[in-house]
Each structure stands twice: as structure tokens, then as C-alpha cells.
Amino acid sequence: MLNKLIYILLFSALITSCKSPEARKPIQSQSGTFIKESAERNKKLYEEEKDYIEKIIAKDSTHNYIMSESGFWYFYNKRDTTSSDMPDPGDIVKFTYDIKDLNGSMILSEKDNGLQQYKVDQSNQELISGVRDGIKLMKEGETVTFLFPSYKAYGYYGIEKKLGTNIPVQSTVTLHSIEQSNEN
């Protein structure tokens, strides 16, 4: 009889221990206000930078500025009107560029950056998104000056000891060559 009782207790313990684990309830739930507040701050920052850049453009009567679909402005220093070839994704481009603040003070010169080689839309190269987007608007041999709001430049991080956070910049880019990829 004692053996039966032990078997029954072991069997019932085995059955109750096979219960699937239950998910724990969160102690605290987030309301998402931080993300909403951050988005509002970024929208306000972009509007302020946009107004500042538009004031600079309005004062500059020597250049014809174009606004890109990506949210930055540019003008041609040297334009090629005969060619229609622009880089496609996968093409390898060689270019030089500099970075200045919007007052024209040099932050990174072409010499600092050197000749860059970039595989369009397929490289993890540490280029600001504005330069990556701007290159796709250029033809071989062209030189273009871009005005980037901070989110298209160095954003919150800036450049250590050279550029603070959330600072719009300008960059003059010269596209030296476009090497078509085999995929195109």
C-alpha cells in the first residue's frame, strides 16, 4: 500500500511539474512618450535648420540652388550638360569632398578626406547620408556644393573636437569617375 501511495504521489508530481511556463507580466509599461517627444524635437530642429539654410540661399544671388527630394539643397560649381550618365546602385565612384560649416569655415578639407572610392548604395563606408545621396545626382566630372541639414550630415554625434551636435554643413563634392558594375 505504501508503494502505491508513493507511486501516486510521484505520478501527480510529475504531471503538475510538466505545466508550461507562464509569461511574466511587465512591471511597468512604456507609454511611448519619449519617442513622440524625440520626433517632435527633431521636426522642430529640422524646421529651424531649414529656415536658416533658406535665409542663406536667399542672400546668395550668384548660385541657382535646387532642393533635392532627400531634404537638402545644392548648386553646380561645374556642370556637365552633355552626358546623362549618373551612378546606379552597384557602380563604383571615385570622388573628393570637403566639409565646411555654413559660414564657409573649413572643418574637413579634401586633403583630410583624400580620394574616396564608394560602391553606390552597397557599401558600409562611413560617409554621411547627404554625400551618399548627393553622389547619385551627379555626373562624371561635375563639382557640386551641397547644403545639408544636420540629420543628413553628422547629426547628434558631430565630429569630435571639430563639429558640435546638430550642426548643418556644406560640402563641395567632385565626382572624378564612375565605373559601371557588371550588374548594370
Protein backbone atom coordinates (compact mmCIF):
# COMPACT_ATOMS: atom_id res chain seq x y z
CA MET A 1 0.00 0.00 0.00
CA LEU A 2 2.83 2.38 0.82
CA ASN A 3 4.37 1.69 -2.60
CA LYS A 4 1.10 2.59 -4.32
CA LEU A 5 0.91 5.83 -2.37
CA ILE A 6 4.50 6.73 -3.32
CA TYR A 7 3.80 5.97 -6.99
CA ILE A 8 0.62 8.06 -6.95
CA LEU A 9 2.47 10.99 -5.35
CA LEU A 10 5.36 10.74 -7.84
CA PHE A 11 2.94 10.48 -10.77
CA SER A 12 0.91 13.50 -9.63
CA ALA A 13 4.12 15.50 -9.01
CA LEU A 14 5.29 14.58 -12.49
CA ILE A 15 2.04 15.72 -14.10
CA THR A 16 1.91 19.03 -12.26
CA SER A 17 5.59 19.76 -12.98
CA CYS A 18 5.02 19.43 -16.76
CA LYS A 19 2.95 22.58 -16.79
CA SER A 20 4.18 25.05 -19.41
CA PRO A 21 5.82 28.24 -18.09
CA GLU A 22 3.67 31.32 -17.88
CA ALA A 23 4.87 34.67 -19.16
CA ARG A 24 5.56 37.23 -16.51
CA LYS A 25 3.56 40.42 -16.58
CA PRO A 26 5.58 43.60 -17.14
CA ILE A 27 6.20 45.59 -14.02
CA GLN A 28 5.94 48.89 -15.87
CA SER A 29 4.71 49.65 -19.36
CA GLN A 30 6.08 52.46 -21.50
CA SER A 31 3.63 54.89 -22.99
CA GLY A 32 5.84 55.83 -25.97
CA THR A 33 6.03 59.49 -24.97
CA PHE A 34 9.83 59.57 -25.24
CA ILE A 35 9.71 58.61 -28.91
CA LYS A 36 6.93 61.10 -29.62
CA GLU A 37 8.82 63.88 -27.83
CA SER A 38 12.02 63.00 -29.67
CA ALA A 39 10.22 63.08 -33.02
CA GLU A 40 8.74 66.48 -32.19
CA ARG A 41 12.19 67.84 -31.18
CA ASN A 42 13.68 66.56 -34.44
CA LYS A 43 10.90 68.11 -36.54
CA LYS A 44 11.39 71.45 -34.77
CA LEU A 45 15.18 71.23 -35.24
CA TYR A 46 14.77 70.47 -38.95
CA GLU A 47 12.39 73.41 -39.43
CA GLU A 48 14.86 75.76 -37.71
CA GLU A 49 17.75 74.48 -39.84
CA LYS A 50 15.62 74.67 -43.00
CA ASP A 51 14.73 78.31 -42.27
CA TYR A 52 18.41 79.12 -41.62
CA ILE A 53 19.52 77.45 -44.86
CA GLU A 54 16.76 79.17 -46.85
CA LYS A 55 17.94 82.55 -45.50
CA ILE A 56 21.46 81.77 -46.68
CA ILE A 57 20.11 80.79 -50.10
CA ALA A 58 18.03 83.98 -50.33
CA LYS A 59 21.16 86.10 -49.69
CA ASP A 60 23.18 84.23 -52.34
CA SER A 61 22.21 85.62 -55.73
CA THR A 62 25.19 84.12 -57.56
CA HIS A 63 24.06 80.49 -57.44
CA ASN A 64 20.93 78.67 -58.58
CA TYR A 65 20.00 76.33 -55.72
CA ILE A 66 17.99 73.16 -56.23
CA MET A 67 16.16 71.36 -53.43
CA SER A 68 16.54 67.59 -53.54
CA GLU A 69 13.84 65.09 -52.73
CA SER A 70 16.08 63.88 -49.89
CA GLY A 71 15.81 67.17 -47.98
CA PHE A 72 18.98 69.09 -48.84
CA TRP A 73 19.93 71.89 -51.26
CA TYR A 74 22.67 72.07 -53.87
CA PHE A 75 24.12 74.07 -56.74
CA TYR A 76 26.53 73.21 -59.53
CA ASN A 77 30.04 74.65 -59.46
CA LYS A 78 30.88 72.71 -62.64
CA ARG A 79 28.10 71.07 -64.64
CA ASP A 80 28.19 68.55 -67.48
CA THR A 81 25.23 69.15 -69.78
CA THR A 82 26.28 66.68 -72.48
CA SER A 83 26.40 63.43 -70.52
CA SER A 84 23.39 61.73 -68.99
CA ASP A 85 25.22 59.00 -67.08
CA MET A 86 24.69 59.12 -63.34
CA PRO A 87 25.81 56.40 -60.93
CA ASP A 88 23.48 53.45 -60.47
CA PRO A 89 23.40 51.18 -57.42
CA GLY A 90 26.46 48.93 -57.50
CA ASP A 91 28.61 51.33 -59.57
CA ILE A 92 31.97 52.29 -58.11
CA VAL A 93 32.58 56.03 -57.96
CA LYS A 94 35.73 57.95 -57.11
CA PHE A 95 35.32 61.41 -55.67
CA THR A 96 36.75 64.06 -53.38
CA TYR A 97 34.83 66.18 -50.91
CA ASP A 98 35.22 68.68 -48.12
CA ILE A 99 33.08 69.67 -45.17
CA LYS A 100 32.54 73.29 -44.10
CA ASP A 101 30.13 74.97 -41.75
CA LEU A 102 27.50 77.16 -43.41
CA ASN A 103 29.69 80.23 -42.88
CA GLY A 104 32.38 78.63 -45.06
CA SER A 105 34.88 77.70 -42.32
CA MET A 106 36.73 74.50 -43.19
CA ILE A 107 36.06 71.50 -40.94
CA LEU A 108 37.46 68.68 -43.11
CA SER A 109 39.39 69.50 -46.28
CA GLU A 110 39.65 67.40 -49.45
CA LYS A 111 43.21 66.65 -48.35
CA ASP A 112 41.96 65.38 -44.96
CA ASN A 113 39.41 63.11 -46.66
CA GLY A 114 41.57 62.06 -49.62
CA LEU A 115 40.29 60.39 -52.78
CA GLN A 116 37.26 58.30 -51.86
CA GLN A 117 36.05 55.15 -53.57
CA TYR A 118 32.43 54.19 -52.91
CA LYS A 119 30.16 51.42 -54.19
CA VAL A 120 26.84 53.22 -54.62
CA ASP A 121 24.12 52.04 -52.22
CA GLN A 122 26.07 48.88 -51.36
CA SER A 123 28.96 49.99 -49.22
CA ASN A 124 29.10 50.46 -45.48
CA GLN A 125 31.66 53.21 -45.91
CA GLU A 126 31.49 55.89 -43.26
CA LEU A 127 30.05 58.66 -45.40
CA ILE A 128 27.34 60.99 -44.23
CA SER A 129 24.00 60.19 -45.82
CA GLY A 130 23.90 63.56 -47.57
CA VAL A 131 27.08 62.80 -49.55
CA ARG A 132 25.82 59.29 -50.39
CA ASP A 133 22.54 60.77 -51.69
CA GLY A 134 24.25 63.69 -53.43
CA ILE A 135 26.60 61.49 -55.45
CA LYS A 136 23.60 59.84 -57.09
CA LEU A 137 22.60 63.26 -58.51
CA MET A 138 25.98 63.88 -60.14
CA LYS A 139 27.64 63.04 -63.44
CA GLU A 140 31.30 62.27 -64.01
CA GLY A 141 33.46 65.41 -63.89
CA GLU A 142 30.89 67.56 -62.09
CA THR A 143 31.52 69.58 -58.95
CA VAL A 144 28.52 70.31 -56.75
CA THR A 145 28.14 72.18 -53.46
CA PHE A 146 25.55 70.70 -51.10
CA LEU A 147 23.93 72.30 -48.06
CA PHE A 148 22.92 69.57 -45.61
CA PRO A 149 20.70 69.90 -42.55
CA SER A 150 22.24 68.15 -39.56
CA TYR A 151 20.24 64.93 -39.98
CA LYS A 152 21.84 64.47 -43.43
CA ALA A 153 25.28 65.33 -42.03
CA TYR A 154 26.76 64.38 -38.67
CA GLY A 155 23.56 64.78 -36.63
CA TYR A 156 23.64 64.24 -32.91
CA TYR A 157 27.20 62.90 -32.87
CA GLY A 158 29.04 65.66 -34.71
CA ILE A 159 32.79 65.27 -35.25
CA GLU A 160 34.88 65.03 -32.11
CA LYS A 161 36.72 68.31 -31.43
CA LYS A 162 35.74 69.69 -34.87
CA LEU A 163 31.95 69.93 -35.17
CA GLY A 164 29.29 70.10 -32.48
CA THR A 165 25.98 68.27 -32.40
CA ASN A 166 23.11 69.05 -34.76
CA ILE A 167 25.06 71.46 -36.98
CA PRO A 168 24.11 71.85 -40.66
CA VAL A 169 27.08 71.77 -43.04
CA GLN A 170 28.03 72.38 -46.64
CA SER A 171 30.12 70.04 -48.74
CA THR A 172 31.71 70.51 -52.15
CA VAL A 173 31.96 67.18 -53.97
CA THR A 174 33.85 66.48 -57.21
CA LEU A 175 32.91 63.22 -58.94
CA HIS A 176 36.05 62.04 -60.73
CA SER A 177 34.89 58.75 -62.22
CA ILE A 178 32.02 56.28 -62.47
CA GLU A 179 32.87 52.63 -63.06
CA GLN A 180 29.79 50.74 -64.23
CA SER A 181 29.21 47.48 -62.38
CA ASN A 182 28.71 44.25 -64.30
CA GLU A 183 25.17 44.03 -62.91
CA ASN A 184 24.06 47.19 -64.78
